[in-house]
Amino acid sequence: MVPPFAMEMQYRRELQSLIASMAKDYATIIGIYRSKESEIAMDAEWLTTDVQNRLERLGKKWQERFNKYAENATPDRIKKMLKQTDLQLKESLKTYFANEQLTLIGQVLPVKLRQIMKINISENKALVASIPERYKRRIQTIITNIINGNAPWKQLQREVAHAKGISMREAKTIARDQTNKVFNALAIQRFQQCGITKVQWFHSHAPKEPRPYHIRLWDGKSGLDDGHPNGLNHFIFELGNPPVIQEAKGKQQEIRGYPGDLINCGCGLVPITEFDSI
């Protein structure tokens, strides 16, 4: 089962569209101060206060817009992801139930699944809401440095473009990380609900720079006792006993978990049924 790439891309496009509109709005303020370059030396104190007031108003405006987007879009996105989880699970089990109507989507969700959805909705909202504040701080730093004479005005356009680029990359990371993490968390809960206790880890080859430990093929023997295989790809384990997903190396500590728990991890899980051993 693979995190839905189409949903990740839609999430990313929506966030980046908001960021582009926000950057265009801030560019209006930047243009005002660029035109006042000759006045800065005469009254820098007034200009600094005026900058702060304008940025605060814009910051509040865009904070509200991002909050509203997160409030309205996040629950619906996670519900759609749960549906995608169920569709993929039905597809993976159809070999065993080819002649039966397999229904996994119930009207009433189990308490544990509702809790997982609630936690992920809250985390998504917080991440989306953090974008406009960080962008505002970057723009404020750029303008303040220019007003105080710490940077020339000719750097303005380059630094503003760089600030926008940072926010765009943040949106890309949030979309990928949250899609992977939420999908796999929902899948695990569905597995348990269906009585599936064993799963197989597989590397999706999605990230451009995959983790060597995640892409390394399991030898079929190691890790069965201690949950630390020679490689995670194709490793079979009990759901209640997650494997090592980050090996201890240098300052890195050993971490155990599931696909998507580490940032930008695009790995997935395949359910293993008792029929597989018959």
Protein backbone atom coordinates (compact mmCIF):
# COMPACT_ATOMS: atom_id res chain seq x y z
CA MET A 1 0.00 0.00 0.00
CA VAL A 2 1.47 3.30 -1.14
CA PRO A 3 0.71 6.83 0.12
CA PRO A 4 -1.39 8.53 -2.61
CA PHE A 5 0.93 10.75 -4.65
CA ALA A 6 -1.99 12.56 -6.31
CA MET A 7 -3.25 13.71 -2.91
CA GLU A 8 0.24 14.85 -1.93
CA MET A 9 0.51 16.90 -5.13
CA GLN A 10 -2.90 18.48 -4.63
CA TYR A 11 -2.00 19.39 -1.05
CA ARG A 12 1.29 20.90 -2.22
CA ARG A 13 -0.35 22.91 -5.01
CA GLU A 14 -2.95 24.36 -2.64
CA LEU A 15 -0.34 25.41 -0.09
CA GLN A 16 1.99 26.86 -2.71
CA SER A 17 -0.87 28.77 -4.32
CA LEU A 18 -1.61 30.41 -0.97
CA ILE A 19 2.08 31.23 -0.52
CA ALA A 20 2.29 32.78 -4.01
CA SER A 21 -0.70 35.02 -3.26
CA MET A 22 0.77 35.98 0.11
CA ALA A 23 4.16 36.83 -1.44
CA LYS A 24 2.45 39.02 -4.03
CA ASP A 25 0.63 40.87 -1.25
CA TYR A 26 3.87 41.47 0.66
CA ALA A 27 5.53 42.65 -2.55
CA THR A 28 3.19 45.66 -2.49
CA ILE A 29 4.64 46.79 0.84
CA ILE A 30 8.17 46.11 -0.32
CA GLY A 31 7.55 48.29 -3.37
CA ILE A 32 6.43 51.16 -1.14
CA TYR A 33 9.69 51.16 0.83
CA ARG A 34 11.80 50.63 -2.25
CA SER A 35 10.36 53.90 -3.59
CA LYS A 36 11.23 55.66 -0.32
CA GLU A 37 14.93 54.82 -0.47
CA SER A 38 15.94 58.51 -0.44
CA GLU A 39 13.85 59.19 2.67
CA ILE A 40 15.31 56.42 4.83
CA ALA A 41 18.30 58.41 6.08
CA MET A 42 16.05 61.34 6.97
CA ASP A 43 13.56 59.46 9.12
CA ALA A 44 14.56 55.84 9.64
CA GLU A 45 12.73 55.65 12.99
CA TRP A 46 9.37 56.53 11.45
CA LEU A 47 10.00 54.15 8.58
CA THR A 48 10.80 51.29 10.97
CA THR A 49 7.56 51.86 12.89
CA ASP A 50 5.57 52.11 9.69
CA VAL A 51 7.09 48.85 8.43
CA GLN A 52 6.14 47.05 11.63
CA ASN A 53 2.56 48.32 11.49
CA ARG A 54 2.07 47.33 7.87
CA LEU A 55 3.64 43.91 8.37
CA GLU A 56 1.49 43.24 11.43
CA ARG A 57 -1.67 43.99 9.47
CA LEU A 58 -0.61 41.79 6.58
CA GLY A 59 0.56 39.09 8.95
CA LYS A 60 -2.83 38.98 10.65
CA LYS A 61 -4.62 38.87 7.29
CA TRP A 62 -2.63 35.92 6.00
CA GLN A 63 -2.60 34.09 9.30
CA GLU A 64 -6.40 34.10 9.20
CA ARG A 65 -6.44 32.85 5.60
CA PHE A 66 -4.05 29.99 6.30
CA ASN A 67 -5.95 29.10 9.47
CA LYS A 68 -9.22 29.05 7.54
CA TYR A 69 -7.70 26.85 4.83
CA ALA A 70 -6.36 24.39 7.42
CA GLU A 71 -9.67 24.36 9.29
CA ASN A 72 -11.75 23.64 6.18
CA ALA A 73 -9.45 21.47 4.06
CA THR A 74 -7.60 19.26 6.54
CA PRO A 75 -10.48 17.12 7.90
CA ASP A 76 -11.80 16.48 4.39
CA ARG A 77 -8.33 15.54 3.11
CA ILE A 78 -7.80 13.01 5.90
CA LYS A 79 -11.26 11.48 5.32
CA LYS A 80 -10.38 11.06 1.63
CA MET A 81 -7.09 9.50 2.65
CA LEU A 82 -8.94 6.98 4.82
CA LYS A 83 -11.11 6.08 1.83
CA GLN A 84 -7.97 5.64 -0.28
CA THR A 85 -6.54 3.41 2.46
CA ASP A 86 -9.64 1.22 2.35
CA LEU A 87 -9.60 1.00 -1.45
CA GLN A 88 -5.95 -0.09 -1.47
CA LEU A 89 -6.55 -2.58 1.33
CA LYS A 90 -9.49 -4.11 -0.56
CA GLU A 91 -7.29 -4.37 -3.66
CA SER A 92 -4.52 -6.12 -1.73
CA LEU A 93 -6.98 -8.64 -0.25
CA LYS A 94 -9.06 -9.35 -3.35
CA THR A 95 -6.91 -12.39 -4.19
CA TYR A 96 -8.39 -14.15 -1.18
CA PHE A 97 -11.94 -12.84 -1.62
CA ALA A 98 -12.25 -12.75 -5.41
CA ASN A 99 -15.85 -13.98 -5.41
CA GLU A 100 -17.06 -12.01 -2.39
CA GLN A 101 -18.13 -8.42 -1.81
CA LEU A 102 -15.53 -7.17 0.67
CA THR A 103 -16.66 -4.11 2.62
CA LEU A 104 -14.19 -2.32 4.88
CA ILE A 105 -15.71 1.13 5.19
CA GLY A 106 -18.16 1.16 8.08
CA GLN A 107 -20.57 3.88 9.12
CA VAL A 108 -19.08 3.99 12.61
CA LEU A 109 -15.32 4.34 12.93
CA PRO A 110 -13.53 2.56 15.79
CA VAL A 111 -12.49 4.80 18.70
CA LYS A 112 -8.78 4.24 18.04
CA LEU A 113 -9.14 5.25 14.39
CA ARG A 114 -11.06 8.39 15.32
CA GLN A 115 -8.27 9.28 17.76
CA ILE A 116 -5.61 8.83 15.09
CA MET A 117 -7.57 11.05 12.68
CA LYS A 118 -8.07 13.70 15.37
CA ILE A 119 -4.34 13.78 16.19
CA ASN A 120 -3.36 14.03 12.52
CA ILE A 121 -5.91 16.77 11.83
CA SER A 122 -4.49 18.79 14.72
CA GLU A 123 -0.89 18.29 13.53
CA ASN A 124 -1.77 19.27 9.95
CA LYS A 125 -3.50 22.44 11.10
CA ALA A 126 -0.53 23.47 13.22
CA LEU A 127 1.96 22.95 10.39
CA VAL A 128 -0.12 24.92 7.87
CA ALA A 129 -0.73 27.72 10.38
CA SER A 130 3.03 28.09 10.96
CA ILE A 131 3.81 29.03 7.34
CA PRO A 132 2.64 32.70 7.23
CA GLU A 133 4.32 33.68 10.51
CA ARG A 134 7.70 32.35 9.40
CA TYR A 135 7.37 34.11 6.04
CA LYS A 136 6.48 37.41 7.71
CA ARG A 137 9.54 37.19 9.98
CA ARG A 138 11.81 36.60 6.99
CA ILE A 139 10.42 39.62 5.11
CA GLN A 140 10.63 41.78 8.23
CA THR A 141 14.28 40.83 8.72
CA ILE A 142 15.09 41.68 5.09
CA ILE A 143 13.43 45.13 5.20
CA THR A 144 14.86 45.95 8.64
CA ASN A 145 18.40 45.12 7.51
CA ILE A 146 17.99 47.39 4.50
CA ILE A 147 16.53 50.28 6.53
CA ASN A 148 19.33 49.99 9.09
CA GLY A 149 21.94 50.08 6.36
CA ASN A 150 23.07 46.47 6.86
CA ALA A 151 22.27 45.55 3.27
CA PRO A 152 21.90 47.50 0.02
CA TRP A 153 18.50 47.87 -1.67
CA LYS A 154 19.75 46.04 -4.73
CA GLN A 155 19.74 42.83 -2.67
CA LEU A 156 16.05 43.22 -1.91
CA GLN A 157 14.57 41.38 -4.88
CA ARG A 158 17.01 38.47 -4.57
CA GLU A 159 16.43 38.03 -0.83
CA VAL A 160 12.65 38.30 -1.14
CA ALA A 161 12.67 35.64 -3.87
CA HIS A 162 14.81 33.47 -1.61
CA ALA A 163 12.32 33.90 1.27
CA LYS A 164 9.46 32.85 -0.99
CA GLY A 165 11.46 29.83 -2.16
CA ILE A 166 12.00 28.71 1.43
CA SER A 167 8.25 28.81 2.10
CA MET A 168 7.54 26.93 -1.13
CA ARG A 169 9.95 24.18 -0.08
CA GLU A 170 8.36 24.08 3.37
CA ALA A 171 4.98 23.50 1.72
CA LYS A 172 6.44 20.68 -0.37
CA THR A 173 7.91 19.03 2.72
CA ILE A 174 4.70 19.40 4.73
CA ALA A 175 2.59 17.95 1.91
CA ARG A 176 4.85 14.94 1.39
CA ASP A 177 5.56 14.26 5.04
CA GLN A 178 1.97 14.58 6.23
CA THR A 179 0.52 12.56 3.36
CA ASN A 180 2.93 9.69 3.99
CA LYS A 181 2.60 9.79 7.76
CA VAL A 182 -1.19 10.07 7.86
CA PHE A 183 -1.79 7.42 5.19
CA ASN A 184 0.41 4.84 6.90
CA ALA A 185 -1.04 5.58 10.34
CA LEU A 186 -4.57 5.06 8.97
CA ALA A 187 -3.50 1.91 7.13
CA ILE A 188 -2.05 0.40 10.29
CA GLN A 189 -5.28 1.01 12.17
CA ARG A 190 -7.30 -0.56 9.35
CA PHE A 191 -4.97 -3.59 9.33
CA GLN A 192 -5.57 -4.12 13.03
CA GLN A 193 -9.30 -3.64 12.59
CA CYS A 194 -9.29 -6.41 9.94
CA GLY A 195 -7.30 -8.73 12.19
CA ILE A 196 -4.07 -8.40 10.22
CA THR A 197 -1.09 -8.67 12.56
CA LYS A 198 1.84 -9.06 10.16
CA VAL A 199 3.01 -6.63 7.49
CA GLN A 200 5.87 -6.34 5.03
CA TRP A 201 7.84 -3.13 4.67
CA PHE A 202 8.67 -2.04 1.15
CA HIS A 203 10.55 0.91 -0.27
CA SER A 204 8.52 2.92 -2.78
CA HIS A 205 11.55 4.60 -4.41
CA ALA A 206 9.66 7.91 -4.09
CA PRO A 207 12.26 10.23 -2.46
CA LYS A 208 15.11 11.48 -4.64
CA GLU A 209 17.58 10.70 -1.84
CA PRO A 210 16.33 7.48 -0.22
CA ARG A 211 17.65 6.31 3.10
CA PRO A 212 20.16 3.47 2.41
CA TYR A 213 18.80 1.43 5.32
CA HIS A 214 15.23 1.70 3.98
CA ILE A 215 16.13 0.69 0.41
CA ARG A 216 18.50 -2.12 1.42
CA LEU A 217 16.91 -5.55 0.74
CA TRP A 218 16.25 -7.71 3.81
CA ASP A 219 18.18 -10.99 3.90
CA GLY A 220 15.13 -12.92 5.12
CA LYS A 221 16.66 -13.85 8.48
CA SER A 222 18.00 -10.93 10.48
CA GLY A 223 15.73 -8.86 12.70
CA LEU A 224 13.14 -11.53 13.41
CA ASP A 225 14.08 -11.60 17.10
CA ASP A 226 15.33 -8.10 17.81
CA GLY A 227 13.47 -6.07 15.14
CA HIS A 228 16.75 -4.83 13.63
CA PRO A 229 17.10 -6.38 10.15
CA ASN A 230 20.06 -5.82 7.86
CA GLY A 231 17.70 -3.79 5.65
CA LEU A 232 14.04 -2.74 5.85
CA ASN A 233 12.99 -3.36 2.26
CA HIS A 234 10.69 -6.48 2.28
CA PHE A 235 11.17 -7.00 6.03
CA ILE A 236 8.20 -8.85 7.61
CA PHE A 237 7.27 -7.95 11.17
CA GLU A 238 4.46 -7.90 13.71
CA LEU A 239 2.43 -4.69 13.78
CA GLY A 240 2.75 -4.49 17.54
CA ASN A 241 6.54 -4.69 17.35
CA PRO A 242 7.78 -1.95 14.99
CA PRO A 243 11.34 -2.33 13.66
CA VAL A 244 14.35 -0.05 13.83
CA ILE A 245 13.79 2.65 11.20
CA GLN A 246 16.91 4.70 11.99
CA GLU A 247 20.11 3.00 13.02
CA ALA A 248 22.30 4.46 15.74
CA LYS A 249 25.18 6.21 13.99
CA GLY A 250 27.29 9.08 15.24
CA LYS A 251 24.94 11.50 16.99
CA GLN A 252 21.87 9.74 15.58
CA GLN A 253 19.97 7.63 18.07
CA GLU A 254 18.20 4.40 17.21
CA ILE A 255 14.54 4.96 16.38
CA ARG A 256 11.77 2.37 15.99
CA GLY A 257 8.58 3.00 14.10
CA TYR A 258 6.62 2.63 10.87
CA PRO A 259 6.78 3.99 7.30
CA GLY A 260 6.30 7.75 7.24
CA ASP A 261 7.43 8.28 10.83
CA LEU A 262 10.73 9.79 9.67
CA ILE A 263 10.47 13.00 7.67
CA ASN A 264 10.18 12.47 3.89
CA CYS A 265 9.91 8.70 4.29
CA GLY A 266 7.75 7.45 1.42
CA CYS A 267 7.87 3.75 2.26
CA GLY A 268 4.74 1.63 2.55
CA LEU A 269 3.35 -1.58 3.99
CA VAL A 270 1.87 -4.76 2.51
CA PRO A 271 -0.55 -6.71 4.71
CA ILE A 272 0.42 -10.33 5.33
CA THR A 273 -2.56 -12.63 5.92
CA GLU A 274 -2.60 -16.10 7.40
CA PHE A 275 -3.52 -17.36 3.92
CA ASP A 276 -0.02 -16.45 2.71
CA SER A 277 1.49 -19.30 4.74
CA ILE A 278 -0.99 -21.97 3.57
